[in-house]
């Protein structure tokens, strides 16, 4: 089963929000459980207790207590909890919040294609721990000026920049992908069956939508959407208990023969062989 956050947390009345920032204390009491998550908002995750493995496509990251993660919105990940209890504080924020921070402090961004673009992980020093924990009481006071929250976040971001230069590479990814068109395509494309419906959602003609899409994504909508489905399928094949038919349905293919053919073309092996390779 796939959940979408922060929407899933909002529907279950777990999320607390103050305009520019949302927060939830997440606790999992089920050891060795697996799940799939789509992240529709940039997330800052502070792990308090336990250990978890995150799978981003071909990338695997093990996180433990004391780790602070920045995860870019639009990601689809598989998670595995390794301990009896896993606790974390989750903060959700927009591209605009980070973009304003970058512009305000005139931060010189850097690009490094060798680094992963989807997640940034840093160990929390004492200053960072205190900064993160000091934000939480503000959510009990809904009348608090949002500018105070923003200053607390800026303090946290500056602390990380001073302790790890690689944070600039991650900021660069979000800063350069922070246009509303790209963001809205990434979070909404699964809701529509045709390119025409997706274009209508953006209040564009289909021709204009295709043109704009190619400008931003450097490929056609059909190829990009197929690639996203296959990436998700590969992750489910490798990390979940679903069989090939179930994965085919889960990612939105109507024809299993077309799914297997497309998968093989993309990854060089059939879904069944890919699953056997991982088991071995």
Protein backbone atom coordinates (compact mmCIF):
# COMPACT_ATOMS: atom_id res chain seq x y z
CA UNK A 1 0.00 0.00 0.00
CA UNK A 2 1.30 3.44 -0.91
CA UNK A 3 0.70 6.47 1.28
CA UNK A 4 1.24 10.08 0.31
CA UNK A 5 2.66 12.50 2.83
CA UNK A 6 1.95 14.99 4.21
CA UNK A 7 -1.64 14.44 2.91
CA UNK A 8 -2.00 11.07 4.69
CA UNK A 9 -0.95 12.68 7.99
CA UNK A 10 -3.35 15.57 7.45
CA UNK A 11 -6.29 13.24 6.81
CA UNK A 12 -5.54 11.41 10.07
CA UNK A 13 -5.38 14.68 12.05
CA UNK A 14 -1.73 14.11 12.91
CA UNK A 15 -0.28 17.14 11.16
CA UNK A 16 0.16 20.49 12.88
CA UNK A 17 0.71 23.52 10.66
CA UNK A 18 1.74 27.14 10.99
CA UNK A 19 1.43 28.62 7.51
CA UNK A 20 4.93 28.04 6.11
CA UNK A 21 5.73 24.85 8.02
CA UNK A 22 4.00 21.62 9.05
CA UNK A 23 5.10 19.22 11.77
CA UNK A 24 4.28 15.74 13.05
CA UNK A 25 5.79 13.40 15.62
CA UNK A 26 5.91 10.00 13.92
CA UNK A 27 6.11 6.75 15.90
CA UNK A 28 6.19 3.19 14.52
CA UNK A 29 5.86 0.26 16.90
CA UNK A 30 5.97 -2.50 14.26
CA UNK A 31 9.46 -3.99 13.76
CA UNK A 32 10.62 -5.18 10.33
CA UNK A 33 7.67 -3.53 8.60
CA UNK A 34 7.87 -2.24 5.02
CA UNK A 35 6.01 0.56 3.31
CA UNK A 36 5.96 2.72 0.23
CA UNK A 37 5.71 6.49 0.50
CA UNK A 38 5.29 9.32 -1.98
CA UNK A 39 6.55 12.64 -0.64
CA UNK A 40 4.66 15.63 -2.03
CA UNK A 41 6.42 18.30 0.04
CA UNK A 42 10.07 18.85 0.90
CA UNK A 43 10.72 17.09 4.21
CA UNK A 44 13.15 17.52 7.07
CA UNK A 45 13.26 14.35 9.19
CA UNK A 46 14.97 14.22 12.58
CA UNK A 47 15.33 10.61 13.77
CA UNK A 48 14.89 10.35 17.56
CA UNK A 49 14.95 6.58 18.10
CA UNK A 50 15.41 3.40 16.10
CA UNK A 51 16.75 2.59 12.65
CA UNK A 52 15.22 2.54 9.17
CA UNK A 53 16.38 1.79 5.62
CA UNK A 54 15.22 4.10 2.84
CA UNK A 55 15.29 2.98 -0.80
CA UNK A 56 15.41 5.69 -3.49
CA UNK A 57 15.54 3.74 -6.75
CA UNK A 58 19.06 2.26 -6.83
CA UNK A 59 20.13 4.25 -3.76
CA UNK A 60 19.85 2.74 -0.27
CA UNK A 61 20.33 4.77 2.91
CA UNK A 62 20.32 3.49 6.48
CA UNK A 63 19.30 6.15 9.01
CA UNK A 64 19.50 6.00 12.77
CA UNK A 65 18.89 8.11 15.87
CA UNK A 66 20.62 11.47 15.58
CA UNK A 67 20.40 11.67 11.78
CA UNK A 68 18.78 14.64 10.10
CA UNK A 69 17.46 14.04 6.58
CA UNK A 70 16.41 16.49 3.91
CA UNK A 71 14.26 14.74 1.30
CA UNK A 72 13.23 16.51 -1.92
CA UNK A 73 9.53 16.58 -2.74
CA UNK A 74 8.34 14.35 -5.56
CA UNK A 75 10.25 11.31 -4.35
CA UNK A 76 8.81 7.80 -4.20
CA UNK A 77 10.59 5.70 -1.59
CA UNK A 78 10.37 2.30 0.05
CA UNK A 79 10.99 2.14 3.79
CA UNK A 80 11.99 -0.69 6.12
CA UNK A 81 11.87 -0.27 9.91
CA UNK A 82 14.57 -2.35 11.60
CA UNK A 83 13.89 -1.75 15.32
CA UNK A 84 10.89 -2.39 17.57
CA UNK A 85 10.32 1.34 17.95
CA UNK A 86 11.10 4.04 15.40
CA UNK A 87 10.49 7.69 16.31
CA UNK A 88 11.10 10.80 14.25
CA UNK A 89 10.06 14.43 13.99
CA UNK A 90 8.92 15.35 10.48
CA UNK A 91 8.84 18.92 9.19
CA UNK A 92 7.38 19.79 5.78
CA UNK A 93 8.21 23.00 3.92
CA UNK A 94 7.84 24.50 0.44
CA UNK A 95 10.41 25.30 -2.24
CA UNK A 96 9.65 28.97 -1.63
CA UNK A 97 10.83 28.77 1.96
CA UNK A 98 14.25 27.50 0.93
CA UNK A 99 14.45 29.81 -2.08
CA UNK A 100 13.77 32.83 0.14
CA UNK A 101 16.46 31.65 2.54
CA UNK A 102 18.99 31.28 -0.29
CA UNK A 103 18.24 34.75 -1.66
CA UNK A 104 18.14 36.45 1.75
CA UNK A 105 21.62 35.24 2.73
CA UNK A 106 23.00 35.34 -0.83
CA UNK A 107 24.23 31.78 -0.54
CA UNK A 108 26.54 30.71 -3.34
CA UNK A 109 25.12 27.42 -4.57
CA UNK A 110 27.14 24.62 -6.13
CA UNK A 111 26.37 21.78 -8.48
CA UNK A 112 27.84 18.30 -8.23
CA UNK A 113 26.30 15.58 -10.39
CA UNK A 114 28.29 12.93 -8.54
CA UNK A 115 26.16 13.48 -5.44
CA UNK A 116 22.65 12.14 -5.01
CA UNK A 117 19.99 14.76 -5.67
CA UNK A 118 17.13 13.22 -3.72
CA UNK A 119 18.30 13.19 -0.11
CA UNK A 120 20.86 14.91 2.11
CA UNK A 121 21.80 13.41 5.50
CA UNK A 122 23.77 15.01 8.31
CA UNK A 123 24.44 14.02 11.93
CA UNK A 124 22.86 16.41 14.40
CA UNK A 125 25.37 18.23 16.59
CA UNK A 126 24.23 19.74 19.90
CA UNK A 127 23.34 23.09 18.30
CA UNK A 128 21.27 21.45 15.58
CA UNK A 129 19.48 19.20 18.08
CA UNK A 130 18.54 22.16 20.26
CA UNK A 131 17.42 24.17 17.26
CA UNK A 132 15.12 21.41 15.95
CA UNK A 133 13.61 20.69 19.36
CA UNK A 134 13.04 24.41 20.03
CA UNK A 135 10.67 24.69 17.04
CA UNK A 136 8.17 22.14 18.34
CA UNK A 137 6.64 24.19 21.21
CA UNK A 138 5.71 26.89 18.70
CA UNK A 139 3.10 24.59 17.20
CA UNK A 140 1.13 24.78 20.44
CA UNK A 141 0.70 28.53 19.93
CA UNK A 142 -1.24 29.12 16.72
CA UNK A 143 -1.12 32.90 17.09
CA UNK A 144 2.67 33.04 17.02
CA UNK A 145 4.15 35.22 14.26
CA UNK A 146 5.30 33.00 11.38
CA UNK A 147 8.40 35.22 11.03
CA UNK A 148 9.72 33.78 14.31
CA UNK A 149 9.33 30.26 12.93
CA UNK A 150 11.15 31.30 9.77
CA UNK A 151 14.05 32.71 11.80
CA UNK A 152 14.34 29.42 13.70
CA UNK A 153 14.48 27.50 10.44
CA UNK A 154 17.07 29.87 9.02
CA UNK A 155 19.18 29.28 12.12
CA UNK A 156 18.98 25.52 11.50
CA UNK A 157 19.87 25.85 7.81
CA UNK A 158 22.81 28.13 8.58
CA UNK A 159 24.04 25.71 11.23
CA UNK A 160 24.05 22.87 8.68
CA UNK A 161 25.78 25.02 6.05
CA UNK A 162 28.53 25.83 8.54
CA UNK A 163 29.04 22.17 9.43
CA UNK A 164 28.72 20.55 5.98
CA UNK A 165 29.47 22.26 2.67
CA UNK A 166 27.65 19.50 0.78
CA UNK A 167 24.36 21.04 1.89
CA UNK A 168 24.93 23.63 -0.85
CA UNK A 169 24.70 20.92 -3.49
CA UNK A 170 21.31 19.79 -2.18
CA UNK A 171 20.03 23.37 -1.94
CA UNK A 172 21.07 23.88 -5.54
CA UNK A 173 18.85 21.00 -6.67
CA UNK A 174 15.76 22.41 -4.96
CA UNK A 175 16.51 25.99 -5.98
CA UNK A 176 16.81 25.08 -9.66
CA UNK A 177 13.76 22.80 -9.65
CA UNK A 178 11.57 25.18 -7.73
CA UNK A 179 9.17 26.24 -10.48
CA UNK A 180 5.50 25.56 -9.96
CA UNK A 181 5.02 23.74 -13.27
CA UNK A 182 7.62 21.06 -12.53
CA UNK A 183 6.45 20.72 -8.93
CA UNK A 184 2.79 20.32 -9.91
CA UNK A 185 3.55 17.79 -12.64
CA UNK A 186 5.56 15.64 -10.22
CA UNK A 187 2.84 15.53 -7.58
CA UNK A 188 -0.23 15.27 -9.83
CA UNK A 189 0.58 13.23 -12.96
CA UNK A 190 -0.61 9.93 -11.41
CA UNK A 191 -4.13 11.33 -11.03
CA UNK A 192 -4.74 11.51 -14.79
CA UNK A 193 -5.05 8.80 -17.40
CA UNK A 194 -4.18 10.87 -20.49
CA UNK A 195 -1.90 13.75 -21.44
CA UNK A 196 -5.02 15.68 -22.47
CA UNK A 197 -6.44 15.40 -18.94
CA UNK A 198 -3.12 16.51 -17.47
CA UNK A 199 -3.02 19.48 -19.86
CA UNK A 200 -6.58 20.41 -18.86
CA UNK A 201 -5.49 20.33 -15.23
CA UNK A 202 -2.90 22.99 -16.06
CA UNK A 203 -5.48 24.93 -18.11
CA UNK A 204 -3.34 24.56 -21.24
CA UNK A 205 -3.97 23.24 -24.71
CA UNK A 206 -2.38 19.84 -25.21
CA UNK A 207 0.10 21.31 -27.71
CA UNK A 208 1.13 24.08 -25.30
CA UNK A 209 1.44 21.61 -22.42
CA UNK A 210 3.67 19.28 -24.44
CA UNK A 211 5.87 22.21 -25.45
CA UNK A 212 6.18 23.51 -21.89
CA UNK A 213 6.82 20.00 -20.58
CA UNK A 214 9.71 19.46 -22.99
CA UNK A 215 11.23 22.82 -21.98
CA UNK A 216 11.26 21.82 -18.32
CA UNK A 217 11.84 18.04 -18.39
CA UNK A 218 13.84 17.78 -21.65
CA UNK A 219 11.73 14.85 -22.85
CA UNK A 220 8.13 14.15 -23.87
CA UNK A 221 5.34 13.63 -21.30
CA UNK A 222 4.76 10.06 -22.50
CA UNK A 223 8.41 9.04 -22.11
CA UNK A 224 8.77 10.76 -18.72
CA UNK A 225 5.61 9.23 -17.27
CA UNK A 226 6.59 5.77 -18.53
CA UNK A 227 10.03 6.20 -16.95
CA UNK A 228 8.47 7.23 -13.61
CA UNK A 229 6.16 4.20 -13.64
CA UNK A 230 9.03 1.83 -14.41
CA UNK A 231 11.25 3.29 -11.69
CA UNK A 232 8.46 2.77 -9.20
CA UNK A 233 7.88 -0.75 -10.54
CA UNK A 234 11.56 -1.66 -10.15
CA UNK A 235 11.52 -0.47 -6.56
CA UNK A 236 8.41 -2.51 -5.79
CA UNK A 237 9.82 -5.60 -7.54
CA UNK A 238 13.02 -5.42 -5.51
CA UNK A 239 11.76 -4.25 -2.13
CA UNK A 240 8.13 -5.38 -1.71
CA UNK A 241 6.36 -8.73 -1.50
CA UNK A 242 4.12 -7.96 -4.50
CA UNK A 243 4.25 -10.32 -7.47
CA UNK A 244 4.75 -9.13 -11.05
CA UNK A 245 1.02 -8.90 -11.83
CA UNK A 246 0.37 -6.91 -8.66
CA UNK A 247 3.21 -4.52 -9.43
CA UNK A 248 1.92 -4.11 -12.98
CA UNK A 249 -1.47 -3.03 -11.61
CA UNK A 250 0.01 -0.92 -8.81
CA UNK A 251 2.00 1.32 -11.16
CA UNK A 252 -0.84 1.75 -13.65
CA UNK A 253 -0.20 -0.64 -16.55
CA UNK A 254 -3.30 -2.22 -18.11
CA UNK A 255 -1.41 -4.83 -20.12
CA UNK A 256 1.09 -7.10 -18.39
CA UNK A 257 2.83 -8.03 -21.67
CA UNK A 258 3.46 -4.34 -22.41
CA UNK A 259 4.65 -3.86 -18.82
CA UNK A 260 7.17 -6.72 -19.07
CA UNK A 261 8.37 -5.54 -22.47
CA UNK A 262 8.82 -1.95 -21.28
CA UNK A 263 10.55 -3.07 -18.07
CA UNK A 264 13.03 -5.22 -19.99
CA UNK A 265 13.79 -2.41 -22.42
CA UNK A 266 14.41 0.01 -19.54
CA UNK A 267 16.43 -2.24 -17.20
CA UNK A 268 17.76 -5.08 -19.37
CA UNK A 269 15.87 -7.89 -17.62
CA UNK A 270 12.28 -8.96 -17.06
CA UNK A 271 10.56 -8.11 -13.75
CA UNK A 272 10.63 -11.79 -12.77
CA UNK A 273 14.37 -12.10 -13.39
CA UNK A 274 14.98 -8.81 -11.54
CA UNK A 275 13.19 -10.20 -8.49
CA UNK A 276 15.17 -13.46 -8.65
CA UNK A 277 18.44 -11.52 -8.89
CA UNK A 278 17.60 -9.61 -5.69
CA UNK A 279 16.57 -12.76 -3.84
CA UNK A 280 19.88 -14.42 -4.72
